[in-house]
Amino acid sequence: MLVSLPQEKPSIHYKHIIPSKEKSMKKSIVYTHNALGKSVFSP
């Protein structure tokens, strides 16, 4: 996916994947979680 440069941190992916809408944001978070195979966000 967006994982291309090791220097890019989860916060970067967050900004790239998350749309403007909150609903889409929640879906994107779950999508990212599944796609990367691990939780990118640490609440």
PDB file of N, CA and C in Angstrom:
ATOM      1  N   MET A   1       0.839  -1.209   0.000  1.00  0.00           N
ATOM      2  CA  MET A   1       0.000   0.000   0.000  1.00  0.00           C
ATOM      3  C   MET A   1       0.874   1.259   0.000  1.00  0.00           C
ATOM      4  N   LEU A   2       0.698   2.035   1.066  1.00  0.00           N
ATOM      5  CA  LEU A   2       1.448   3.283   1.179  1.00  0.00           C
ATOM      6  C   LEU A   2       2.823   3.053   1.785  1.00  0.00           C
ATOM      7  N   VAL A   3       3.049   1.817   2.223  1.00  0.00           N
ATOM      8  CA  VAL A   3       4.329   1.514   2.860  1.00  0.00           C
ATOM      9  C   VAL A   3       5.420   1.396   1.797  1.00  0.00           C
ATOM     10  N   SER A   4       6.132   2.477   1.567  1.00  0.00           N
ATOM     11  CA  SER A   4       7.183   2.479   0.558  1.00  0.00           C
ATOM     12  C   SER A   4       8.498   2.916   1.176  1.00  0.00           C
ATOM     13  N   LEU A   5       8.443   3.954   2.000  1.00  0.00           N
ATOM     14  CA  LEU A   5       9.651   4.446   2.649  1.00  0.00           C
ATOM     15  C   LEU A   5       9.619   4.146   4.141  1.00  0.00           C
ATOM     16  N   PRO A   6      10.670   3.515   4.671  1.00  0.00           N
ATOM     17  CA  PRO A   6      10.780   3.160   6.089  1.00  0.00           C
ATOM     18  C   PRO A   6      10.646   4.386   6.990  1.00  0.00           C
ATOM     19  N   GLN A   7      10.978   5.544   6.448  1.00  0.00           N
ATOM     20  CA  GLN A   7      10.936   6.761   7.254  1.00  0.00           C
ATOM     21  C   GLN A   7       9.501   7.217   7.492  1.00  0.00           C
ATOM     22  N   GLU A   8       8.584   6.746   6.622  1.00  0.00           N
ATOM     23  CA  GLU A   8       7.182   7.139   6.782  1.00  0.00           C
ATOM     24  C   GLU A   8       6.584   6.437   7.994  1.00  0.00           C
ATOM     25  N   LYS A   9       6.115   7.223   8.948  1.00  0.00           N
ATOM     26  CA  LYS A   9       5.544   6.664  10.161  1.00  0.00           C
ATOM     27  C   LYS A   9       4.017   6.561  10.022  1.00  0.00           C
ATOM     28  N   PRO A  10       3.374   5.757  10.903  1.00  0.00           N
ATOM     29  CA  PRO A  10       1.927   5.563  10.891  1.00  0.00           C
ATOM     30  C   PRO A  10       1.148   6.875  10.766  1.00  0.00           C
ATOM     31  N   SER A  11       1.669   7.935  11.378  1.00  0.00           N
ATOM     32  CA  SER A  11       0.986   9.224  11.329  1.00  0.00           C
ATOM     33  C   SER A  11       0.889   9.705   9.886  1.00  0.00           C
ATOM     34  N   ILE A  12       1.906   9.366   9.094  1.00  0.00           N
ATOM     35  CA  ILE A  12       1.914   9.746   7.685  1.00  0.00           C
ATOM     36  C   ILE A  12       0.830   8.987   6.937  1.00  0.00           C
ATOM     37  N   HIS A  13       0.755   7.680   7.178  1.00  0.00           N
ATOM     38  CA  HIS A  13      -0.258   6.858   6.529  1.00  0.00           C
ATOM     39  C   HIS A  13      -1.645   7.344   6.931  1.00  0.00           C
ATOM     40  N   TYR A  14      -1.758   7.748   8.171  1.00  0.00           N
ATOM     41  CA  TYR A  14      -3.023   8.246   8.698  1.00  0.00           C
ATOM     42  C   TYR A  14      -3.515   9.405   7.847  1.00  0.00           C
ATOM     43  N   LYS A  15      -2.636  10.351   7.570  1.00  0.00           N
ATOM     44  CA  LYS A  15      -3.006  11.528   6.798  1.00  0.00           C
ATOM     45  C   LYS A  15      -3.293  11.169   5.339  1.00  0.00           C
ATOM     46  N   HIS A  16      -2.565  10.198   4.827  1.00  0.00           N
ATOM     47  CA  HIS A  16      -2.739   9.818   3.422  1.00  0.00           C
ATOM     48  C   HIS A  16      -4.051   9.075   3.198  1.00  0.00           C
ATOM     49  N   ILE A  17      -4.394   8.200   4.128  1.00  0.00           N
ATOM     50  CA  ILE A  17      -5.557   7.329   3.952  1.00  0.00           C
ATOM     51  C   ILE A  17      -6.856   7.996   4.403  1.00  0.00           C
ATOM     52  N   ILE A  18      -6.774   8.740   5.506  1.00  0.00           N
ATOM     53  CA  ILE A  18      -7.977   9.328   6.070  1.00  0.00           C
ATOM     54  C   ILE A  18      -8.551  10.438   5.190  1.00  0.00           C
ATOM     55  N   PRO A  19      -9.807  10.268   4.745  1.00  0.00           N
ATOM     56  CA  PRO A  19     -10.513  11.295   3.980  1.00  0.00           C
ATOM     57  C   PRO A  19     -10.986  12.413   4.900  1.00  0.00           C
ATOM     58  N   SER A  20     -11.762  13.333   4.360  1.00  0.00           N
ATOM     59  CA  SER A  20     -12.238  14.464   5.147  1.00  0.00           C
ATOM     60  C   SER A  20     -13.392  14.058   6.053  1.00  0.00           C
ATOM     61  N   LYS A  21     -14.161  13.066   5.608  1.00  0.00           N
ATOM     62  CA  LYS A  21     -15.339  12.656   6.371  1.00  0.00           C
ATOM     63  C   LYS A  21     -14.963  11.743   7.527  1.00  0.00           C
ATOM     64  N   GLU A  22     -15.640  11.932   8.650  1.00  0.00           N
ATOM     65  CA  GLU A  22     -15.331  11.124   9.835  1.00  0.00           C
ATOM     66  C   GLU A  22     -15.726   9.669   9.630  1.00  0.00           C
ATOM     67  N   LYS A  23     -16.874   9.453   9.004  1.00  0.00           N
ATOM     68  CA  LYS A  23     -17.350   8.087   8.773  1.00  0.00           C
ATOM     69  C   LYS A  23     -16.349   7.331   7.915  1.00  0.00           C
ATOM     70  N   SER A  24     -15.888   7.978   6.880  1.00  0.00           N
ATOM     71  CA  SER A  24     -14.906   7.353   5.994  1.00  0.00           C
ATOM     72  C   SER A  24     -13.602   7.144   6.742  1.00  0.00           C
ATOM     73  N   MET A  25     -13.329   8.057   7.682  1.00  0.00           N
ATOM     74  CA  MET A  25     -12.101   7.979   8.457  1.00  0.00           C
ATOM     75  C   MET A  25     -12.081   6.686   9.269  1.00  0.00           C
ATOM     76  N   LYS A  26     -13.213   6.395   9.929  1.00  0.00           N
ATOM     77  CA  LYS A  26     -13.287   5.190  10.744  1.00  0.00           C
ATOM     78  C   LYS A  26     -13.072   3.951   9.883  1.00  0.00           C
ATOM     79  N   LYS A  27     -13.683   3.944   8.700  1.00  0.00           N
ATOM     80  CA  LYS A  27     -13.538   2.807   7.792  1.00  0.00           C
ATOM     81  C   LYS A  27     -12.094   2.678   7.334  1.00  0.00           C
ATOM     82  N   SER A  28     -11.457   3.817   7.079  1.00  0.00           N
ATOM     83  CA  SER A  28     -10.076   3.819   6.613  1.00  0.00           C
ATOM     84  C   SER A  28      -9.150   3.269   7.684  1.00  0.00           C
ATOM     85  N   ILE A  29      -9.451   3.588   8.941  1.00  0.00           N
ATOM     86  CA  ILE A  29      -8.626   3.108  10.051  1.00  0.00           C
ATOM     87  C   ILE A  29      -8.687   1.581  10.115  1.00  0.00           C
ATOM     88  N   VAL A  30      -9.891   1.047   9.990  1.00  0.00           N
ATOM     89  CA  VAL A  30     -10.069  -0.400  10.009  1.00  0.00           C
ATOM     90  C   VAL A  30      -9.383  -1.020   8.805  1.00  0.00           C
ATOM     91  N   TYR A  31      -9.513  -0.366   7.657  1.00  0.00           N
ATOM     92  CA  TYR A  31      -8.897  -0.851   6.424  1.00  0.00           C
ATOM     93  C   TYR A  31      -7.382  -0.904   6.570  1.00  0.00           C
ATOM     94  N   THR A  32      -6.834   0.156   7.135  1.00  0.00           N
ATOM     95  CA  THR A  32      -5.392   0.229   7.337  1.00  0.00           C
ATOM     96  C   THR A  32      -4.945  -0.863   8.306  1.00  0.00           C
ATOM     97  N   HIS A  33      -5.739  -1.080   9.341  1.00  0.00           N
ATOM     98  CA  HIS A  33      -5.435  -2.096  10.339  1.00  0.00           C
ATOM     99  C   HIS A  33      -5.350  -3.468   9.686  1.00  0.00           C
ATOM    100  N   ASN A  34      -6.300  -3.763   8.817  1.00  0.00           N
ATOM    101  CA  ASN A  34      -6.341  -5.059   8.147  1.00  0.00           C
ATOM    102  C   ASN A  34      -5.262  -5.168   7.077  1.00  0.00           C
ATOM    103  N   ALA A  35      -5.046  -4.092   6.363  1.00  0.00           N
ATOM    104  CA  ALA A  35      -4.099  -4.104   5.251  1.00  0.00           C
ATOM    105  C   ALA A  35      -2.662  -4.290   5.738  1.00  0.00           C
ATOM    106  N   LEU A  36      -2.311  -3.596   6.799  1.00  0.00           N
ATOM    107  CA  LEU A  36      -0.942  -3.676   7.309  1.00  0.00           C
ATOM    108  C   LEU A  36      -0.758  -4.890   8.207  1.00  0.00           C
ATOM    109  N   GLY A  37      -1.877  -5.479   8.611  1.00  0.00           N
ATOM    110  CA  GLY A  37      -1.791  -6.686   9.428  1.00  0.00           C
ATOM    111  C   GLY A  37      -1.477  -6.372  10.877  1.00  0.00           C
ATOM    112  N   LYS A  38      -1.523  -5.104  11.238  1.00  0.00           N
ATOM    113  CA  LYS A  38      -1.274  -4.720  12.619  1.00  0.00           C
ATOM    114  C   LYS A  38      -1.871  -3.345  12.869  1.00  0.00           C
ATOM    115  N   SER A  39      -2.182  -3.057  14.107  1.00  0.00           N
ATOM    116  CA  SER A  39      -2.789  -1.770  14.418  1.00  0.00           C
ATOM    117  C   SER A  39      -1.778  -0.649  14.238  1.00  0.00           C
ATOM    118  N   VAL A  40      -2.134   0.316  13.383  1.00  0.00           N
ATOM    119  CA  VAL A  40      -1.235   1.432  13.106  1.00  0.00           C
ATOM    120  C   VAL A  40      -1.459   2.543  14.113  1.00  0.00           C
ATOM    121  N   PHE A  41      -2.675   2.552  14.690  1.00  0.00           N
ATOM    122  CA  PHE A  41      -3.016   3.638  15.598  1.00  0.00           C
ATOM    123  C   PHE A  41      -3.047   3.147  17.036  1.00  0.00           C
ATOM    124  N   SER A  42      -2.427   3.898  17.913  1.00  0.00           N
ATOM    125  CA  SER A  42      -2.420   3.529  19.328  1.00  0.00           C
ATOM    126  C   SER A  42      -3.170   4.576  20.142  1.00  0.00           C
ATOM    127  N   PRO A  43      -4.461   4.337  20.348  1.00  0.00           N
ATOM    128  CA  PRO A  43      -5.306   5.288  21.097  1.00  0.00           C
ATOM    129  C   PRO A  43      -4.844   5.409  22.536  1.00  0.00           C
TER     130      PRO A  43
END
